[in-house]
Structure formats: structure tokens, C-alpha cells
PDB file of N, CA and C in Angstrom:
ATOM      1  N   UNK A   1     -18.973  19.535  24.774  1.00  0.00           N
ATOM      2  CA  UNK A   1     -18.018  17.977  24.283  1.00  0.00           C
ATOM      3  C   UNK A   1     -17.774  19.110  22.750  1.00  0.00           C
ATOM      4  N   UNK A   2     -16.355  19.153  22.540  1.00  0.00           N
ATOM      5  CA  UNK A   2     -16.009  19.865  20.400  1.00  0.00           C
ATOM      6  C   UNK A   2     -16.326  18.943  19.534  1.00  0.00           C
ATOM      7  N   UNK A   3     -16.531  19.128  18.278  1.00  0.00           N
ATOM      8  CA  UNK A   3     -17.108  18.554  17.287  1.00  0.00           C
ATOM      9  C   UNK A   3     -15.676  18.658  16.630  1.00  0.00           C
ATOM     10  N   UNK A   4     -15.297  17.614  15.619  1.00  0.00           N
ATOM     11  CA  UNK A   4     -14.378  17.603  14.974  1.00  0.00           C
ATOM     12  C   UNK A   4     -14.166  17.558  13.332  1.00  0.00           C
ATOM     13  N   UNK A   5     -15.212  17.929  12.209  1.00  0.00           N
ATOM     14  CA  UNK A   5     -15.109  16.961  10.999  1.00  0.00           C
ATOM     15  C   UNK A   5     -14.426  17.063  10.184  1.00  0.00           C
ATOM     16  N   UNK A   6     -14.317  16.010   9.463  1.00  0.00           N
ATOM     17  CA  UNK A   6     -13.033  15.690   8.489  1.00  0.00           C
ATOM     18  C   UNK A   6     -12.903  16.327   7.714  1.00  0.00           C
ATOM     19  N   UNK A   7     -11.776  16.927   7.113  1.00  0.00           N
ATOM     20  CA  UNK A   7     -11.429  17.872   6.374  1.00  0.00           C
ATOM     21  C   UNK A   7     -11.231  18.884   6.748  1.00  0.00           C
ATOM     22  N   UNK A   8     -11.818  19.251   8.143  1.00  0.00           N
ATOM     23  CA  UNK A   8     -12.261  21.092   8.850  1.00  0.00           C
ATOM     24  C   UNK A   8     -10.737  20.892   9.472  1.00  0.00           C
ATOM     25  N   UNK A   9     -10.313  21.647   9.285  1.00  0.00           N
ATOM     26  CA  UNK A   9      -8.428  21.743  10.741  1.00  0.00           C
ATOM     27  C   UNK A   9      -9.250  23.313  11.722  1.00  0.00           C
ATOM     28  N   UNK A  10     -10.030  22.786  12.945  1.00  0.00           N
ATOM     29  CA  UNK A  10      -9.165  24.122  13.472  1.00  0.00           C
ATOM     30  C   UNK A  10      -8.578  24.888  13.731  1.00  0.00           C
ATOM     31  N   UNK A  11      -8.831  25.724  14.168  1.00  0.00           N
ATOM     32  CA  UNK A  11      -7.416  27.266  13.992  1.00  0.00           C
ATOM     33  C   UNK A  11      -6.778  27.281  15.050  1.00  0.00           C
ATOM     34  N   UNK A  12      -6.855  26.535  15.773  1.00  0.00           N
ATOM     35  CA  UNK A  12      -6.044  26.303  16.986  1.00  0.00           C
ATOM     36  C   UNK A  12      -3.763  26.144  16.958  1.00  0.00           C
ATOM     37  N   UNK A  13      -3.252  27.314  17.235  1.00  0.00           N
ATOM     38  CA  UNK A  13      -1.905  27.081  17.026  1.00  0.00           C
ATOM     39  C   UNK A  13      -0.779  25.898  17.302  1.00  0.00           C
ATOM     40  N   UNK A  14      -1.545  24.961  16.756  1.00  0.00           N
ATOM     41  CA  UNK A  14      -0.998  23.763  16.563  1.00  0.00           C
ATOM     42  C   UNK A  14       0.837  23.290  16.987  1.00  0.00           C
ATOM     43  N   UNK A  15       1.563  22.545  17.659  1.00  0.00           N
ATOM     44  CA  UNK A  15       2.825  22.683  17.928  1.00  0.00           C
ATOM     45  C   UNK A  15       3.445  20.992  17.142  1.00  0.00           C
ATOM     46  N   UNK A  16       4.377  21.106  16.707  1.00  0.00           N
ATOM     47  CA  UNK A  16       4.203  20.098  15.728  1.00  0.00           C
ATOM     48  C   UNK A  16       5.145  18.765  16.560  1.00  0.00           C
ATOM     49  N   UNK A  17       5.249  17.684  15.985  1.00  0.00           N
ATOM     50  CA  UNK A  17       5.872  16.803  16.688  1.00  0.00           C
ATOM     51  C   UNK A  17       5.822  15.106  16.231  1.00  0.00           C
ATOM     52  N   UNK A  18       7.159  14.495  16.649  1.00  0.00           N
ATOM     53  CA  UNK A  18       7.488  13.383  15.720  1.00  0.00           C
ATOM     54  C   UNK A  18       7.795  12.125  15.932  1.00  0.00           C
ATOM     55  N   UNK A  19       6.670  11.475  15.698  1.00  0.00           N
ATOM     56  CA  UNK A  19       6.886  10.150  16.576  1.00  0.00           C
ATOM     57  C   UNK A  19       7.658   9.666  17.024  1.00  0.00           C
ATOM     58  N   UNK A  20       7.913   8.836  18.515  1.00  0.00           N
ATOM     59  CA  UNK A  20       9.823   8.030  18.487  1.00  0.00           C
ATOM     60  C   UNK A  20       9.573   6.938  18.723  1.00  0.00           C
ATOM     61  N   UNK A  21      10.819   6.541  18.219  1.00  0.00           N
ATOM     62  CA  UNK A  21      11.062   5.394  17.274  1.00  0.00           C
ATOM     63  C   UNK A  21      11.000   4.319  18.258  1.00  0.00           C
ATOM     64  N   UNK A  22       9.921   2.364  17.981  1.00  0.00           N
ATOM     65  CA  UNK A  22      10.086   1.659  18.985  1.00  0.00           C
ATOM     66  C   UNK A  22      10.347   0.852  17.919  1.00  0.00           C
ATOM     67  N   UNK A  23      11.374   0.764  18.749  1.00  0.00           N
ATOM     68  CA  UNK A  23      11.916  -1.109  17.737  1.00  0.00           C
ATOM     69  C   UNK A  23      10.788  -2.020  17.921  1.00  0.00           C
ATOM     70  N   UNK A  24      10.761  -3.453  16.606  1.00  0.00           N
ATOM     71  CA  UNK A  24      10.485  -4.442  17.129  1.00  0.00           C
ATOM     72  C   UNK A  24      10.443  -5.087  16.382  1.00  0.00           C
ATOM     73  N   UNK A  25      10.232  -6.587  16.305  1.00  0.00           N
ATOM     74  CA  UNK A  25      10.943  -7.749  16.411  1.00  0.00           C
ATOM     75  C   UNK A  25      10.535  -8.021  14.494  1.00  0.00           C
ATOM     76  N   UNK A  26      10.548  -8.372  13.405  1.00  0.00           N
ATOM     77  CA  UNK A  26      10.129  -8.877  12.163  1.00  0.00           C
ATOM     78  C   UNK A  26      10.453  -9.839  11.246  1.00  0.00           C
ATOM     79  N   UNK A  27       9.907 -10.287  11.012  1.00  0.00           N
ATOM     80  CA  UNK A  27      10.638 -12.046   9.831  1.00  0.00           C
ATOM     81  C   UNK A  27       9.760 -11.868   8.930  1.00  0.00           C
ATOM     82  N   UNK A  28      10.647 -11.788   7.344  1.00  0.00           N
ATOM     83  CA  UNK A  28       9.797 -12.292   6.004  1.00  0.00           C
ATOM     84  C   UNK A  28       9.357 -13.685   6.187  1.00  0.00           C
ATOM     85  N   UNK A  29       8.034 -13.846   6.114  1.00  0.00           N
ATOM     86  CA  UNK A  29       7.608 -15.223   5.480  1.00  0.00           C
ATOM     87  C   UNK A  29       7.690 -15.222   3.987  1.00  0.00           C
ATOM     88  N   UNK A  30       8.268 -16.280   3.205  1.00  0.00           N
ATOM     89  CA  UNK A  30       7.921 -16.877   2.518  1.00  0.00           C
ATOM     90  C   UNK A  30       6.887 -18.291   1.887  1.00  0.00           C
ATOM     91  N   UNK A  31       5.980 -17.770   2.476  1.00  0.00           N
ATOM     92  CA  UNK A  31       4.273 -18.783   1.764  1.00  0.00           C
ATOM     93  C   UNK A  31       3.439 -17.789   3.061  1.00  0.00           C
ATOM     94  N   UNK A  32       1.985 -17.857   3.192  1.00  0.00           N
ATOM     95  CA  UNK A  32       0.964 -17.466   3.305  1.00  0.00           C
ATOM     96  C   UNK A  32       0.611 -18.110   5.010  1.00  0.00           C
ATOM     97  N   UNK A  33       0.571 -16.702   5.817  1.00  0.00           N
ATOM     98  CA  UNK A  33       0.943 -17.526   7.372  1.00  0.00           C
ATOM     99  C   UNK A  33      -0.648 -16.812   8.007  1.00  0.00           C
ATOM    100  N   UNK A  34      -1.488 -17.298   9.160  1.00  0.00           N
ATOM    101  CA  UNK A  34      -2.294 -16.987  10.099  1.00  0.00           C
ATOM    102  C   UNK A  34      -1.306 -16.715  11.777  1.00  0.00           C
ATOM    103  N   UNK A  35      -2.088 -15.642  12.015  1.00  0.00           N
ATOM    104  CA  UNK A  35      -1.242 -14.906  13.507  1.00  0.00           C
ATOM    105  C   UNK A  35      -2.722 -15.328  14.363  1.00  0.00           C
ATOM    106  N   UNK A  36      -3.001 -15.459  15.201  1.00  0.00           N
ATOM    107  CA  UNK A  36      -3.908 -15.041  16.245  1.00  0.00           C
ATOM    108  C   UNK A  36      -3.113 -13.774  16.906  1.00  0.00           C
ATOM    109  N   UNK A  37      -4.467 -12.859  16.134  1.00  0.00           N
ATOM    110  CA  UNK A  37      -4.460 -11.243  17.028  1.00  0.00           C
ATOM    111  C   UNK A  37      -5.405 -10.566  18.529  1.00  0.00           C
ATOM    112  N   UNK A  38      -5.658  -9.798  19.153  1.00  0.00           N
ATOM    113  CA  UNK A  38      -6.121  -9.447  20.152  1.00  0.00           C
ATOM    114  C   UNK A  38      -7.817  -9.973  18.901  1.00  0.00           C
ATOM    115  N   UNK A  39      -7.762  -9.148  17.550  1.00  0.00           N
ATOM    116  CA  UNK A  39      -8.727  -8.678  17.031  1.00  0.00           C
ATOM    117  C   UNK A  39      -9.727 -10.039  16.170  1.00  0.00           C
ATOM    118  N   UNK A  40      -8.620 -10.935  16.348  1.00  0.00           N
ATOM    119  CA  UNK A  40      -8.859 -12.209  15.948  1.00  0.00           C
ATOM    120  C   UNK A  40      -7.648 -12.888  15.326  1.00  0.00           C
ATOM    121  N   UNK A  41      -8.293 -13.975  14.187  1.00  0.00           N
ATOM    122  CA  UNK A  41      -7.329 -14.251  13.403  1.00  0.00           C
ATOM    123  C   UNK A  41      -7.460 -13.081  11.862  1.00  0.00           C
ATOM    124  N   UNK A  42      -5.895 -12.859  11.779  1.00  0.00           N
ATOM    125  CA  UNK A  42      -5.661 -12.236  10.523  1.00  0.00           C
ATOM    126  C   UNK A  42      -4.439 -13.162   9.697  1.00  0.00           C
ATOM    127  N   UNK A  43      -4.420 -13.176   8.185  1.00  0.00           N
ATOM    128  CA  UNK A  43      -4.059 -13.349   7.369  1.00  0.00           C
ATOM    129  C   UNK A  43      -2.703 -12.688   7.041  1.00  0.00           C
ATOM    130  N   UNK A  44      -1.383 -13.108   6.602  1.00  0.00           N
ATOM    131  CA  UNK A  44      -0.237 -12.857   5.975  1.00  0.00           C
ATOM    132  C   UNK A  44      -0.590 -13.450   5.043  1.00  0.00           C
ATOM    133  N   UNK A  45       0.333 -12.711   3.638  1.00  0.00           N
ATOM    134  CA  UNK A  45       0.582 -13.293   2.054  1.00  0.00           C
ATOM    135  C   UNK A  45       1.767 -13.853   2.028  1.00  0.00           C
ATOM    136  N   UNK A  46       2.621 -14.932   1.300  1.00  0.00           N
ATOM    137  CA  UNK A  46       3.694 -15.088   1.188  1.00  0.00           C
ATOM    138  C   UNK A  46       4.636 -13.609   0.340  1.00  0.00           C
ATOM    139  N   UNK A  47       5.257 -13.279   1.425  1.00  0.00           N
ATOM    140  CA  UNK A  47       6.127 -11.699   1.231  1.00  0.00           C
ATOM    141  C   UNK A  47       5.920 -10.757   2.440  1.00  0.00           C
ATOM    142  N   UNK A  48       4.982 -10.999   2.737  1.00  0.00           N
ATOM    143  CA  UNK A  48       4.915 -10.723   4.257  1.00  0.00           C
ATOM    144  C   UNK A  48       5.724 -10.428   5.334  1.00  0.00           C
ATOM    145  N   UNK A  49       4.906  -9.810   6.397  1.00  0.00           N
ATOM    146  CA  UNK A  49       6.042  -9.868   7.556  1.00  0.00           C
ATOM    147  C   UNK A  49       5.280  -9.933   8.446  1.00  0.00           C
ATOM    148  N   UNK A  50       6.274 -10.755   9.515  1.00  0.00           N
ATOM    149  CA  UNK A  50       5.496 -11.308  10.467  1.00  0.00           C
ATOM    150  C   UNK A  50       5.905 -10.705  11.879  1.00  0.00           C
ATOM    151  N   UNK A  51       5.222  -9.673  12.838  1.00  0.00           N
ATOM    152  CA  UNK A  51       5.965  -8.645  13.779  1.00  0.00           C
ATOM    153  C   UNK A  51       5.754  -9.027  14.973  1.00  0.00           C
ATOM    154  N   UNK A  52       6.488  -8.216  15.930  1.00  0.00           N
ATOM    155  CA  UNK A  52       6.614  -8.623  17.262  1.00  0.00           C
ATOM    156  C   UNK A  52       6.216  -7.111  18.093  1.00  0.00           C
ATOM    157  N   UNK A  53       5.285  -7.148  18.678  1.00  0.00           N
ATOM    158  CA  UNK A  53       5.625  -5.858  19.262  1.00  0.00           C
ATOM    159  C   UNK A  53       6.063  -5.803  20.842  1.00  0.00           C
ATOM    160  N   UNK A  54       6.223  -4.633  20.974  1.00  0.00           N
ATOM    161  CA  UNK A  54       6.812  -4.297  22.625  1.00  0.00           C
ATOM    162  C   UNK A  54       6.294  -4.974  23.079  1.00  0.00           C
ATOM    163  N   UNK A  55       5.044  -5.760  23.489  1.00  0.00           N
ATOM    164  CA  UNK A  55       4.319  -6.113  24.642  1.00  0.00           C
ATOM    165  C   UNK A  55       4.330  -7.693  24.600  1.00  0.00           C
ATOM    166  N   UNK A  56       5.139  -8.081  22.944  1.00  0.00           N
ATOM    167  CA  UNK A  56       5.342  -9.498  23.008  1.00  0.00           C
ATOM    168  C   UNK A  56       3.966  -9.847  21.484  1.00  0.00           C
ATOM    169  N   UNK A  57       2.568  -8.912  20.974  1.00  0.00           N
ATOM    170  CA  UNK A  57       1.853  -9.131  20.328  1.00  0.00           C
ATOM    171  C   UNK A  57       2.123  -9.308  19.120  1.00  0.00           C
ATOM    172  N   UNK A  58       1.402 -10.169  19.136  1.00  0.00           N
ATOM    173  CA  UNK A  58       1.686 -10.309  16.731  1.00  0.00           C
ATOM    174  C   UNK A  58       1.011 -10.317  16.034  1.00  0.00           C
ATOM    175  N   UNK A  59       1.502  -9.403  14.994  1.00  0.00           N
ATOM    176  CA  UNK A  59       0.576  -9.042  13.115  1.00  0.00           C
ATOM    177  C   UNK A  59       1.391  -9.282  12.569  1.00  0.00           C
ATOM    178  N   UNK A  60       0.530  -9.211  11.647  1.00  0.00           N
ATOM    179  CA  UNK A  60       1.011  -9.328   9.935  1.00  0.00           C
ATOM    180  C   UNK A  60       1.122  -7.815   9.528  1.00  0.00           C
ATOM    181  N   UNK A  61       1.697  -7.611   8.332  1.00  0.00           N
ATOM    182  CA  UNK A  61       1.995  -6.405   7.763  1.00  0.00           C
ATOM    183  C   UNK A  61       2.589  -6.623   6.306  1.00  0.00           C
ATOM    184  N   UNK A  62       1.752  -6.716   5.542  1.00  0.00           N
ATOM    185  CA  UNK A  62       1.963  -6.136   3.983  1.00  0.00           C
ATOM    186  C   UNK A  62       3.559  -5.823   3.509  1.00  0.00           C
ATOM    187  N   UNK A  63       3.947  -6.101   2.930  1.00  0.00           N
ATOM    188  CA  UNK A  63       5.244  -6.380   2.364  1.00  0.00           C
ATOM    189  C   UNK A  63       5.143  -4.581   1.654  1.00  0.00           C
ATOM    190  N   UNK A  64       4.494  -3.938   1.568  1.00  0.00           N
ATOM    191  CA  UNK A  64       4.123  -2.758   0.685  1.00  0.00           C
ATOM    192  C   UNK A  64       4.333  -2.171   1.827  1.00  0.00           C
ATOM    193  N   UNK A  65       3.441  -2.135   2.645  1.00  0.00           N
ATOM    194  CA  UNK A  65       2.928  -1.421   3.962  1.00  0.00           C
ATOM    195  C   UNK A  65       4.577  -1.365   4.660  1.00  0.00           C
ATOM    196  N   UNK A  66       5.213  -2.482   4.875  1.00  0.00           N
ATOM    197  CA  UNK A  66       6.381  -2.137   5.393  1.00  0.00           C
ATOM    198  C   UNK A  66       7.096  -1.599   4.718  1.00  0.00           C
ATOM    199  N   UNK A  67       7.519  -1.572   3.341  1.00  0.00           N
ATOM    200  CA  UNK A  67       8.745  -0.811   2.575  1.00  0.00           C
ATOM    201  C   UNK A  67       8.380   0.904   2.965  1.00  0.00           C
ATOM    202  N   UNK A  68       7.497   1.077   2.819  1.00  0.00           N
ATOM    203  CA  UNK A  68       7.109   2.741   3.543  1.00  0.00           C
ATOM    204  C   UNK A  68       7.254   2.953   4.857  1.00  0.00           C
ATOM    205  N   UNK A  69       7.503   2.138   5.819  1.00  0.00           N
ATOM    206  CA  UNK A  69       7.254   2.709   7.199  1.00  0.00           C
ATOM    207  C   UNK A  69       8.021   2.274   8.497  1.00  0.00           C
ATOM    208  N   UNK A  70       9.045   0.959   7.892  1.00  0.00           N
ATOM    209  CA  UNK A  70       9.873   0.985   8.570  1.00  0.00           C
ATOM    210  C   UNK A  70      11.319   0.909   7.881  1.00  0.00           C
ATOM    211  N   UNK A  71      12.686   1.170   8.627  1.00  0.00           N
ATOM    212  CA  UNK A  71      13.226   1.589   8.143  1.00  0.00           C
ATOM    213  C   UNK A  71      14.358  -0.245   8.598  1.00  0.00           C
ATOM    214  N   UNK A  72      15.310  -0.415   8.298  1.00  0.00           N
ATOM    215  CA  UNK A  72      16.749  -1.621   8.898  1.00  0.00           C
ATOM    216  C   UNK A  72      16.837  -0.537   9.962  1.00  0.00           C
ATOM    217  N   UNK A  73      17.549  -1.453  11.249  1.00  0.00           N
ATOM    218  CA  UNK A  73      18.305  -1.100  12.240  1.00  0.00           C
ATOM    219  C   UNK A  73      19.281  -2.532  12.065  1.00  0.00           C
ATOM    220  N   UNK A  74      20.678  -1.695  12.129  1.00  0.00           N
ATOM    221  CA  UNK A  74      21.731  -3.284  12.453  1.00  0.00           C
ATOM    222  C   UNK A  74      21.246  -3.706  12.842  1.00  0.00           C
ATOM    223  N   UNK A  75      20.824  -4.287  13.419  1.00  0.00           N
ATOM    224  CA  UNK A  75      20.573  -5.396  14.380  1.00  0.00           C
ATOM    225  C   UNK A  75      19.913  -6.167  13.852  1.00  0.00           C
ATOM    226  N   UNK A  76      20.299  -7.396  13.907  1.00  0.00           N
ATOM    227  CA  UNK A  76      19.181  -8.517  12.393  1.00  0.00           C
ATOM    228  C   UNK A  76      17.565  -8.808  12.933  1.00  0.00           C
ATOM    229  N   UNK A  77      16.887  -8.645  11.851  1.00  0.00           N
ATOM    230  CA  UNK A  77      15.338  -8.932  11.877  1.00  0.00           C
ATOM    231  C   UNK A  77      14.703  -7.672  13.090  1.00  0.00           C
ATOM    232  N   UNK A  78      15.481  -6.833  13.258  1.00  0.00           N
ATOM    233  CA  UNK A  78      15.156  -5.146  14.074  1.00  0.00           C
ATOM    234  C   UNK A  78      14.156  -4.570  12.704  1.00  0.00           C
ATOM    235  N   UNK A  79      13.404  -3.650  13.443  1.00  0.00           N
ATOM    236  CA  UNK A  79      13.284  -2.316  12.379  1.00  0.00           C
ATOM    237  C   UNK A  79      13.268  -1.299  13.169  1.00  0.00           C
ATOM    238  N   UNK A  80      12.810  -0.696  12.422  1.00  0.00           N
ATOM    239  CA  UNK A  80      12.674   1.283  13.601  1.00  0.00           C
ATOM    240  C   UNK A  80      11.179   1.564  12.303  1.00  0.00           C
ATOM    241  N   UNK A  81      10.475   2.243  13.605  1.00  0.00           N
ATOM    242  CA  UNK A  81       8.937   2.619  12.253  1.00  0.00           C
ATOM    243  C   UNK A  81       8.550   3.840  12.454  1.00  0.00           C
TER     244      UNK A  81
END
């Protein structure tokens, strides 16, 4: 079994790839909220986003993370990751 240690990148001739954009639905809430997920109940703060993934799964994302990792798609309420 191969083992890789943190901070020690192997010398393979790595390729470069870009993750495909996946449209998701989202809504920014202006009050605290809770959402049931596969990992249990997660909480969002006022200003955080409620996301709905491609399989209907719901999850919260902090406003700061959302702004750094999602771009607005012209269609209302949809963002690209």
C-alpha cells in the first residue's frame, strides 16, 4: 500500500485538471437556521446560505465561504461552484 505524508508531494509527473462547474440552488437567509443533513443537524447564522445540491441534499454554507467559492449565474438563485 502506498502512503503519502502531509507536505511531501510525490515526484509523479502530475497532470493539471479543473473541476467541472456544478450548478446548485441557494438562498441567503437573514435569520439563524438549522438543516438536517446526512451528518446530522447543522446550523447556519443570519447571512449564511442554504444550499440544495444536485441530488436534493441541503446544507448551510457560511457567507464568507460562499463569497470565496461561488459565482453568480444569471439565472436567479443559482450559483456555480
